[in-house]
Protein backbone atom coordinates (compact mmCIF):
# COMPACT_ATOMS: atom_id res chain seq x y z
CA UNK A 1 -244.28 3.39 -74.86
CA UNK A 2 -243.81 6.89 -76.18
CA UNK A 3 -240.57 8.77 -75.81
CA UNK A 4 -240.12 10.44 -72.40
CA UNK A 5 -240.49 14.23 -72.42
CA UNK A 6 -239.74 16.93 -69.88
CA UNK A 7 -241.99 19.94 -69.62
CA UNK A 8 -241.22 23.24 -67.87
CA UNK A 9 -244.44 24.32 -66.18
CA UNK A 10 -245.72 27.68 -65.01
CA UNK A 11 -244.73 27.15 -61.38
CA UNK A 12 -241.21 26.11 -62.43
CA UNK A 13 -241.90 22.45 -61.65
CA UNK A 14 -241.04 19.79 -64.23
CA UNK A 15 -243.11 16.77 -65.17
CA UNK A 16 -242.08 13.79 -67.23
CA UNK A 17 -244.38 11.35 -69.00
CA UNK A 18 -244.28 7.62 -69.75
CA UNK A 19 -245.79 5.82 -66.74
CA UNK A 20 -247.26 2.35 -66.59
CA UNK A 21 -251.03 2.13 -66.07
CA UNK A 22 -252.22 0.84 -62.70
CA UNK A 23 -255.33 -1.24 -62.16
CA UNK A 24 -257.78 0.36 -59.75
CA UNK A 25 -260.87 -1.32 -58.39
CA UNK A 26 -262.29 1.61 -56.43
CA UNK A 27 -265.86 2.26 -57.66
CA UNK A 28 -267.09 5.65 -58.76
CA UNK A 29 -269.70 7.33 -56.59
CA UNK A 30 -272.22 10.04 -57.48
CA UNK A 31 -271.33 13.25 -55.68
CA UNK A 32 -270.90 16.70 -57.11
CA UNK A 33 -270.25 18.89 -60.20
CA UNK A 34 -268.94 20.58 -63.73
CA UNK A 35 -268.40 21.52 -67.74
CA UNK A 36 -267.85 24.59 -70.42
CA UNK A 37 -266.64 28.25 -70.22
CA UNK A 38 -264.07 29.75 -67.82
CA UNK A 39 -266.71 29.53 -65.08
CA UNK A 40 -266.99 31.64 -61.96
CA UNK A 41 -264.97 34.77 -61.60
CA UNK A 42 -262.27 34.57 -58.93
CA UNK A 43 -263.04 35.76 -55.42
CA UNK A 44 -262.23 39.47 -55.11
CA UNK A 45 -259.06 40.21 -53.26
CA UNK A 46 -259.53 41.61 -49.76
CA UNK A 47 -257.06 43.78 -47.91
CA UNK A 48 -257.21 41.46 -44.90
CA UNK A 49 -256.81 38.22 -46.88
CA UNK A 50 -253.31 36.78 -46.72
CA UNK A 51 -251.38 36.62 -49.99
CA UNK A 52 -251.73 33.48 -52.10
CA UNK A 53 -248.05 32.85 -51.95
CA UNK A 54 -246.71 29.44 -51.14
CA UNK A 55 -243.57 28.35 -52.96
CA UNK A 56 -245.22 25.16 -54.27
CA UNK A 57 -248.73 26.49 -54.94
CA UNK A 58 -250.12 27.48 -58.33
CA UNK A 59 -250.56 25.93 -61.76
CA UNK A 60 -248.23 23.03 -62.50
CA UNK A 61 -249.61 22.08 -65.93
CA UNK A 62 -251.76 24.22 -68.22
CA UNK A 63 -252.12 21.46 -70.85
CA UNK A 64 -250.80 23.73 -73.61
CA UNK A 65 -248.84 20.70 -74.68
CA UNK A 66 -249.83 17.09 -74.01
CA UNK A 67 -246.43 15.53 -74.72
CA UNK A 68 -245.62 14.81 -71.07
CA UNK A 69 -248.76 12.69 -70.50
CA UNK A 70 -249.14 8.98 -71.14
CA UNK A 71 -252.70 7.87 -71.87
CA UNK A 72 -254.38 4.56 -71.10
CA UNK A 73 -257.96 3.38 -71.50
CA UNK A 74 -258.83 6.28 -73.78
CA UNK A 75 -257.58 8.94 -76.17
CA UNK A 76 -256.22 12.40 -75.34
CA UNK A 77 -256.38 15.40 -77.66
CA UNK A 78 -256.22 19.21 -77.39
CA UNK A 79 -259.47 21.20 -77.39
CA UNK A 80 -259.18 24.91 -78.15
CA UNK A 81 -262.92 25.49 -77.69
CA UNK A 82 -262.65 25.60 -73.88
CA UNK A 83 -259.95 26.38 -71.35
CA UNK A 84 -259.38 27.79 -67.88
CA UNK A 85 -255.76 28.81 -68.39
CA UNK A 86 -253.95 29.18 -71.67
CA UNK A 87 -255.56 28.51 -75.05
CA UNK A 88 -256.77 24.92 -74.72
CA UNK A 89 -257.81 22.10 -72.45
CA UNK A 90 -257.17 18.37 -72.80
CA UNK A 91 -260.09 16.29 -74.08
CA UNK A 92 -260.01 12.72 -72.77
CA UNK A 93 -262.39 10.26 -74.44
CA UNK A 94 -263.03 6.91 -72.73
CA UNK A 95 -264.86 4.25 -74.77
CA UNK A 96 -267.63 2.16 -73.23
CA UNK A 97 -265.42 -0.92 -73.51
CA UNK A 98 -262.93 0.46 -70.96
CA UNK A 99 -263.54 0.18 -67.21
CA UNK A 100 -261.00 2.83 -66.23
CA UNK A 101 -259.24 5.48 -68.22
CA UNK A 102 -256.52 7.84 -67.22
CA UNK A 103 -253.50 9.95 -67.96
CA UNK A 104 -250.18 9.81 -66.14
CA UNK A 105 -246.97 11.76 -65.85
CA UNK A 106 -244.11 12.27 -63.40
CA UNK A 107 -241.92 14.91 -61.84
CA UNK A 108 -238.38 14.91 -63.19
CA UNK A 109 -237.26 14.82 -59.54
CA UNK A 110 -239.29 13.83 -56.44
CA UNK A 111 -241.20 16.79 -55.02
CA UNK A 112 -242.12 17.72 -51.47
CA UNK A 113 -245.89 18.34 -51.53
CA UNK A 114 -246.39 18.26 -47.76
CA UNK A 115 -247.88 21.75 -47.61
CA UNK A 116 -250.11 21.66 -50.69
CA UNK A 117 -253.12 19.79 -52.09
CA UNK A 118 -253.66 19.01 -55.79
CA UNK A 119 -256.66 20.27 -57.74
CA UNK A 120 -257.87 20.27 -61.33
CA UNK A 121 -260.29 22.00 -63.66
CA UNK A 122 -262.73 19.37 -64.95
CA UNK A 123 -265.87 19.06 -67.09
CA UNK A 124 -267.70 15.96 -68.29
CA UNK A 125 -270.56 14.90 -70.55
CA UNK A 126 -271.81 12.55 -67.79
CA UNK A 127 -271.58 12.09 -64.04
CA UNK A 128 -268.05 11.03 -63.11
CA UNK A 129 -265.91 10.88 -59.99
CA UNK A 130 -262.34 11.47 -61.17
CA UNK A 131 -259.43 11.13 -58.83
CA UNK A 132 -255.97 12.57 -58.62
CA UNK A 133 -253.41 10.01 -57.52
CA UNK A 134 -249.98 10.95 -56.21
CA UNK A 135 -247.36 8.22 -55.97
CA UNK A 136 -244.17 8.51 -53.95
CA UNK A 137 -240.75 7.14 -54.82
CA UNK A 138 -241.53 3.86 -53.03
CA UNK A 139 -244.79 3.33 -54.93
CA UNK A 140 -247.13 4.33 -52.08
CA UNK A 141 -250.23 6.26 -53.13
CA UNK A 142 -252.71 8.87 -52.00
CA UNK A 143 -256.01 9.36 -53.85
CA UNK A 144 -257.91 12.66 -53.95
CA UNK A 145 -261.47 12.62 -55.37
CA UNK A 146 -264.23 14.92 -56.46
CA UNK A 147 -267.65 14.22 -58.00
CA UNK A 148 -268.36 16.05 -61.25
CA UNK A 149 -271.88 16.50 -62.60
CA UNK A 150 -272.59 16.43 -66.31
CA UNK A 151 -272.74 19.42 -68.63
CA UNK A 152 -271.45 22.12 -66.33
CA UNK A 153 -268.71 24.67 -67.08
CA UNK A 154 -265.06 23.71 -67.11
CA UNK A 155 -263.92 25.11 -63.76
CA UNK A 156 -261.45 24.41 -60.99
CA UNK A 157 -262.46 22.03 -58.21
CA UNK A 158 -261.09 21.18 -54.81
CA UNK A 159 -260.28 17.50 -54.43
CA UNK A 160 -260.41 15.80 -51.01
CA UNK A 161 -258.72 12.71 -49.59
CA UNK A 162 -260.33 9.38 -50.40
CA UNK A 163 -257.59 6.84 -49.59
CA UNK A 164 -254.02 7.02 -48.35
CA UNK A 165 -251.58 4.13 -48.20
CA UNK A 166 -249.59 3.40 -45.07
CA UNK A 167 -246.14 4.80 -45.56
CA UNK A 168 -247.07 7.36 -48.22
CA UNK A 169 -244.32 10.01 -48.18
CA UNK A 170 -245.57 13.48 -49.23
CA UNK A 171 -241.97 14.72 -49.30
CA UNK A 172 -241.05 12.43 -52.19
CA UNK A 173 -243.90 12.55 -54.72
CA UNK A 174 -242.81 11.24 -58.11
CA UNK A 175 -245.87 10.33 -60.22
CA UNK A 176 -249.21 12.01 -60.95
CA UNK A 177 -252.31 10.27 -62.30
CA UNK A 178 -255.70 11.60 -63.37
CA UNK A 179 -258.08 8.61 -63.36
CA UNK A 180 -261.73 8.23 -64.36
CA UNK A 181 -263.89 5.16 -63.67
CA UNK A 182 -266.79 4.33 -66.05
CA UNK A 183 -268.85 1.70 -64.26
CA UNK A 184 -272.08 2.44 -66.13
CA UNK A 185 -270.84 0.86 -69.36
CA UNK A 186 -271.15 4.12 -71.32
CA UNK A 187 -268.48 6.13 -73.06
CA UNK A 188 -267.39 9.36 -71.41
CA UNK A 189 -265.72 12.54 -72.57
CA UNK A 190 -263.90 14.45 -69.85
CA UNK A 191 -262.10 17.77 -70.25
CA UNK A 192 -259.23 18.67 -67.92
CA UNK A 193 -257.15 21.79 -67.52
CA UNK A 194 -255.03 23.63 -64.96
CA UNK A 195 -253.54 20.92 -62.80
CA UNK A 196 -252.67 23.02 -59.77
CA UNK A 197 -251.67 22.99 -56.12
CA UNK A 198 -253.31 24.96 -53.30
CA UNK A 199 -251.90 25.58 -49.81
CA UNK A 200 -252.97 23.80 -46.64
CA UNK A 201 -253.82 25.90 -43.57
CA UNK A 202 -251.34 26.03 -40.72
CA UNK A 203 -253.92 24.26 -38.53
CA UNK A 204 -256.70 21.94 -39.70
CA UNK A 205 -260.13 23.56 -39.96
CA UNK A 206 -263.64 22.11 -39.59
CA UNK A 207 -267.00 23.72 -40.33
CA UNK A 208 -270.27 22.39 -38.80
CA UNK A 209 -273.44 22.89 -40.85
CA UNK A 210 -277.15 21.99 -40.69
CA UNK A 211 -279.74 21.89 -43.47
CA UNK A 212 -283.53 22.19 -43.70
CA UNK A 213 -284.43 24.14 -40.50
CA UNK A 214 -285.16 21.06 -38.36
CA UNK A 215 -286.09 21.92 -34.79
CA UNK A 216 -283.31 19.61 -33.59
CA UNK A 217 -280.84 22.33 -34.64
CA UNK A 218 -282.19 24.17 -31.60
CA UNK A 219 -283.20 21.37 -29.23
CA UNK A 220 -280.29 18.97 -29.82
CA UNK A 221 -277.38 20.57 -31.66
CA UNK A 222 -277.31 23.93 -29.88
CA UNK A 223 -276.90 22.53 -26.33
CA UNK A 224 -274.18 20.13 -27.48
CA UNK A 225 -272.23 22.80 -29.33
CA UNK A 226 -272.63 25.37 -26.56
CA UNK A 227 -270.94 22.92 -24.20
CA UNK A 228 -267.77 23.26 -26.30
CA UNK A 229 -268.26 26.84 -27.47
CA UNK A 230 -268.53 25.85 -31.14
CA UNK A 231 -270.56 27.87 -33.66
CA UNK A 232 -272.38 26.38 -36.63
CA UNK A 233 -274.23 27.33 -39.79
CA UNK A 234 -277.95 26.69 -40.28
CA UNK A 235 -279.05 26.65 -43.93
CA UNK A 236 -282.76 27.33 -43.54
CA UNK A 237 -285.94 27.28 -45.64
CA UNK A 238 -288.03 30.30 -44.58
CA UNK A 239 -291.22 28.75 -45.95
CA UNK A 240 -290.92 25.92 -43.47
CA UNK A 241 -290.04 28.29 -40.64
CA UNK A 242 -293.04 30.51 -41.34
CA UNK A 243 -295.33 27.48 -41.50
CA UNK A 244 -294.02 26.16 -38.16
CA UNK A 245 -294.40 29.57 -36.54
CA UNK A 246 -298.03 29.71 -37.71
CA UNK A 247 -298.67 26.19 -36.45
CA UNK A 248 -299.26 24.84 -39.96
CA UNK A 249 -298.46 21.24 -40.89
CA UNK A 250 -295.05 20.73 -42.47
CA UNK A 251 -295.20 18.84 -45.80
CA UNK A 252 -292.32 16.65 -44.67
CA UNK A 253 -294.01 15.75 -41.42
CA UNK A 254 -291.13 16.96 -39.23
CA UNK A 255 -291.11 19.80 -36.68
CA UNK A 256 -289.14 22.81 -37.88
CA UNK A 257 -287.52 25.83 -36.30
CA UNK A 258 -289.68 28.79 -35.40
CA UNK A 259 -288.67 32.37 -36.13
CA UNK A 260 -287.84 32.92 -32.45
CA UNK A 261 -285.64 29.82 -32.33
CA UNK A 262 -283.73 30.95 -35.43
CA UNK A 263 -283.04 34.27 -33.73
CA UNK A 264 -281.80 32.46 -30.64
CA UNK A 265 -279.39 30.45 -32.80
CA UNK A 266 -278.15 33.70 -34.30
CA UNK A 267 -277.67 35.18 -30.83
CA UNK A 268 -275.66 32.08 -29.87
CA UNK A 269 -273.17 32.84 -32.65
CA UNK A 270 -274.61 30.67 -35.41
CA UNK A 271 -274.69 31.84 -39.02
CA UNK A 272 -278.19 31.72 -40.54
CA UNK A 273 -277.87 31.11 -44.28
CA UNK A 274 -279.93 30.44 -47.41
CA UNK A 275 -281.28 27.05 -48.50
CA UNK A 276 -284.03 28.43 -50.80
CA UNK A 277 -287.44 29.59 -49.63
CA UNK A 278 -288.92 26.08 -49.77
CA UNK A 279 -286.87 22.98 -50.57
CA UNK A 280 -287.11 22.30 -54.32
CA UNK A 281 -285.08 20.29 -56.77
CA UNK A 282 -283.77 23.41 -58.46
CA UNK A 283 -282.66 21.75 -61.70
CA UNK A 284 -286.29 20.71 -62.33
CA UNK A 285 -287.49 24.34 -62.27
CA UNK A 286 -287.47 26.96 -65.00
CA UNK A 287 -284.85 29.67 -64.58
CA UNK A 288 -287.24 32.30 -63.19
CA UNK A 289 -288.72 29.82 -60.71
CA UNK A 290 -285.18 29.04 -59.57
CA UNK A 291 -284.47 32.73 -59.21
CA UNK A 292 -287.61 33.23 -57.13
CA UNK A 293 -286.72 30.39 -54.75
CA UNK A 294 -283.16 31.62 -54.27
CA UNK A 295 -283.89 35.33 -54.01
CA UNK A 296 -286.97 34.90 -51.82
CA UNK A 297 -284.96 32.86 -49.33
CA UNK A 298 -282.23 35.50 -49.22
CA UNK A 299 -284.75 38.35 -48.89
CA UNK A 300 -286.32 36.71 -45.83
CA UNK A 301 -282.90 36.38 -44.18
CA UNK A 302 -282.15 40.05 -44.78
CA UNK A 303 -285.58 41.11 -43.52
CA UNK A 304 -285.01 39.15 -40.28
CA UNK A 305 -281.60 40.75 -39.74
CA UNK A 306 -279.40 37.86 -40.93
CA UNK A 307 -277.59 39.87 -43.61
CA UNK A 308 -274.22 38.22 -43.02
CA UNK A 309 -275.58 34.70 -43.38
CA UNK A 310 -277.60 35.72 -46.44
CA UNK A 311 -274.31 35.73 -48.38
CA UNK A 312 -274.02 31.93 -48.14
CA UNK A 313 -276.05 29.23 -49.88
CA UNK A 314 -276.41 25.43 -49.86
CA UNK A 315 -278.14 23.63 -52.73
CA UNK A 316 -281.28 21.72 -51.60
CA UNK A 317 -280.88 17.99 -52.30
CA UNK A 318 -277.40 18.82 -53.64
CA UNK A 319 -279.23 19.50 -56.91
CA UNK A 320 -278.35 22.22 -59.42
CA UNK A 321 -277.54 22.91 -63.03
CA UNK A 322 -275.59 25.64 -64.78
CA UNK A 323 -278.51 28.07 -64.47
CA UNK A 324 -278.56 27.50 -60.71
CA UNK A 325 -274.85 28.10 -60.38
CA UNK A 326 -275.11 31.41 -62.23
CA UNK A 327 -278.03 32.58 -60.08
CA UNK A 328 -276.31 31.62 -56.85
CA UNK A 329 -273.15 33.45 -57.92
CA UNK A 330 -275.18 36.62 -58.55
CA UNK A 331 -276.68 36.59 -55.04
CA UNK A 332 -274.11 34.94 -52.76
CA UNK A 333 -270.44 34.86 -51.91
CA UNK A 334 -270.27 31.07 -51.48
CA UNK A 335 -272.43 28.16 -52.60
CA UNK A 336 -271.82 24.86 -50.78
CA UNK A 337 -272.07 21.61 -52.75
CA UNK A 338 -270.77 18.04 -52.47
CA UNK A 339 -267.17 16.96 -52.17
CA UNK A 340 -264.63 15.10 -50.08
CA UNK A 341 -262.93 15.94 -46.77
CA UNK A 342 -259.40 17.14 -46.02
CA UNK A 343 -259.06 19.73 -48.76
CA UNK A 344 -256.76 22.66 -49.21
CA UNK A 345 -257.66 26.32 -49.66
CA UNK A 346 -260.96 26.75 -51.52
CA UNK A 347 -260.91 27.69 -55.21
CA UNK A 348 -264.54 27.45 -56.40
CA UNK A 349 -267.04 29.92 -54.86
CA UNK A 350 -270.07 28.31 -56.53
CA UNK A 351 -269.28 24.71 -55.53
CA UNK A 352 -267.40 24.81 -52.24
CA UNK A 353 -267.11 21.33 -50.76
CA UNK A 354 -268.84 19.68 -47.81
CA UNK A 355 -269.73 16.11 -46.81
CA UNK A 356 -273.13 15.04 -45.50
CA UNK A 357 -274.12 13.08 -42.39
CA UNK A 358 -271.01 10.91 -42.04
CA UNK A 359 -271.18 7.95 -39.69
CA UNK A 360 -269.20 8.30 -36.47
CA UNK A 361 -266.44 6.14 -37.97
CA UNK A 362 -266.20 8.11 -41.21
CA UNK A 363 -266.36 11.40 -39.34
CA UNK A 364 -263.53 10.38 -37.02
CA UNK A 365 -261.36 9.34 -39.97
CA UNK A 366 -262.05 12.64 -41.71
CA UNK A 367 -261.37 14.65 -38.56
CA UNK A 368 -258.15 12.76 -37.76
CA UNK A 369 -256.89 13.37 -41.29
CA UNK A 370 -258.01 16.99 -41.22
CA UNK A 371 -255.92 17.52 -38.08
CA UNK A 372 -252.87 15.47 -39.07
CA UNK A 373 -252.76 16.65 -42.71
CA UNK A 374 -253.84 20.24 -41.97
CA UNK A 375 -256.87 20.11 -44.21
CA UNK A 376 -260.26 21.80 -44.42
CA UNK A 377 -263.45 19.77 -43.92
CA UNK A 378 -267.09 20.92 -43.83
CA UNK A 379 -269.64 18.53 -42.32
CA UNK A 380 -273.41 18.95 -42.63
CA UNK A 381 -276.27 17.28 -40.80
CA UNK A 382 -280.06 17.12 -40.93
CA UNK A 383 -282.53 15.95 -38.26
CA UNK A 384 -280.67 14.77 -35.16
CA UNK A 385 -282.51 11.70 -33.89
CA UNK A 386 -281.56 8.12 -33.03
CA UNK A 387 -278.36 6.92 -34.69
CA UNK A 388 -277.88 10.26 -36.43
CA UNK A 389 -277.80 12.02 -33.07
CA UNK A 390 -275.33 9.49 -31.69
CA UNK A 391 -273.11 9.94 -34.76
CA UNK A 392 -273.27 13.71 -34.36
CA UNK A 393 -272.32 13.54 -30.67
CA UNK A 394 -269.37 11.28 -31.49
CA UNK A 395 -268.33 13.66 -34.27
CA UNK A 396 -268.30 16.65 -31.94
CA UNK A 397 -266.34 14.69 -29.33
CA UNK A 398 -263.73 13.86 -31.99
CA UNK A 399 -263.54 17.51 -33.05
CA UNK A 400 -263.09 18.54 -29.41
CA UNK A 401 -260.31 15.99 -28.92
CA UNK A 402 -258.20 17.60 -31.65
CA UNK A 403 -259.38 21.17 -31.12
CA UNK A 404 -258.44 21.08 -27.44
CA UNK A 405 -254.99 19.79 -28.42
CA UNK A 406 -254.50 22.77 -30.72
CA UNK A 407 -254.56 20.63 -33.88
CA UNK A 408 -257.94 21.79 -35.20
CA UNK A 409 -260.11 24.89 -35.22
CA UNK A 410 -263.83 25.31 -35.86
CA UNK A 411 -264.51 27.95 -38.50
CA UNK A 412 -267.42 29.77 -40.18
CA UNK A 413 -267.89 30.78 -43.83
CA UNK A 414 -266.44 34.25 -43.21
CA UNK A 415 -263.24 32.58 -41.99
CA UNK A 416 -263.11 30.53 -45.18
CA UNK A 417 -263.43 33.69 -47.28
CA UNK A 418 -260.96 35.71 -45.25
CA UNK A 419 -258.25 33.15 -44.51
CA UNK A 420 -258.58 30.05 -46.67
CA UNK A 421 -259.32 31.19 -50.21
CA UNK A 422 -256.86 30.70 -53.04
CA UNK A 423 -256.98 32.50 -56.40
CA UNK A 424 -254.96 30.17 -58.59
């Protein structure tokens, strides 16, 4: 064991190293994003956006020194070639022989993190799902996760709740772990920087989204949501809408929204947003073909009078590369990608989190935690038929249960920008 150190961090918190490694059997799952330069520029400040201030929020370790971290299952070294804050990041190399690698440290005194959520800047040379683990004074844990794609810029990510132990006490957090699982038997290099905390909203917030312009957005979802007065976001593919309006066969074999139906959704308070003109795997296209798909989809929205929704984007198939991220940032305020539920204020405009088609059970768990922990969760759905329709109905009933009790609110992307954005 190395000698214990104490480090004064930028938010005036103190961490101390020298923690024992814990075995973890939770498998990694493919999900979302990351790797290289400082990444997206911060969201511009708005006069009507509340100040970032929360006494516990902000950077708690900039990795300018690594003395406070104990390493297991890999090697940790400084890397001055990339950083988000300060002059360097921490480069963590995990050999193929190790199942799990990680770094660990501790607060000098237990900290009350009730009102904040941890986040991290991450990049990787391969797909990984790192997790941030907080451990209280009694040894109870909460795990926050986020999927990170290979070879993307080193940027900040929101982490969402994966598991929480009974009895976990957020008022007495002592230890902090950054863990990476390598189930594929290959070595991994992961860069980390800017361990930070973001605020939670005063009331939990849920966003309801739909992808791919399925007609069930209009025939199924709209009547259900109108019963409760809830708005939603439809990420549409204009090529499919135009084909349906003309009576042409859809390549996917499913009925799609018509232009008139999309306008009726807009009139009902929905946001109509961009999901590319068709529905390509963007990372498989050349840059200019990507640009055409993205810009053509946005241009159609603006032509049809959906200018507000044209500022928001969701990646078809959840697929993108660094070129895609740059193009989306040029044309949109927010790009929605994968993630986990029950997050804090958003920090990454190009890869803002959402979870897809949860079962009724998983949705209820996410919604309960979103309400009780005052988190932010975005849920997206596709074609509402059979079990998927039943799961959706159960999800909306669960949202209504907590919303009607004043413990949850249903929001739209403009609310996220205006009220729940954090510039670390």
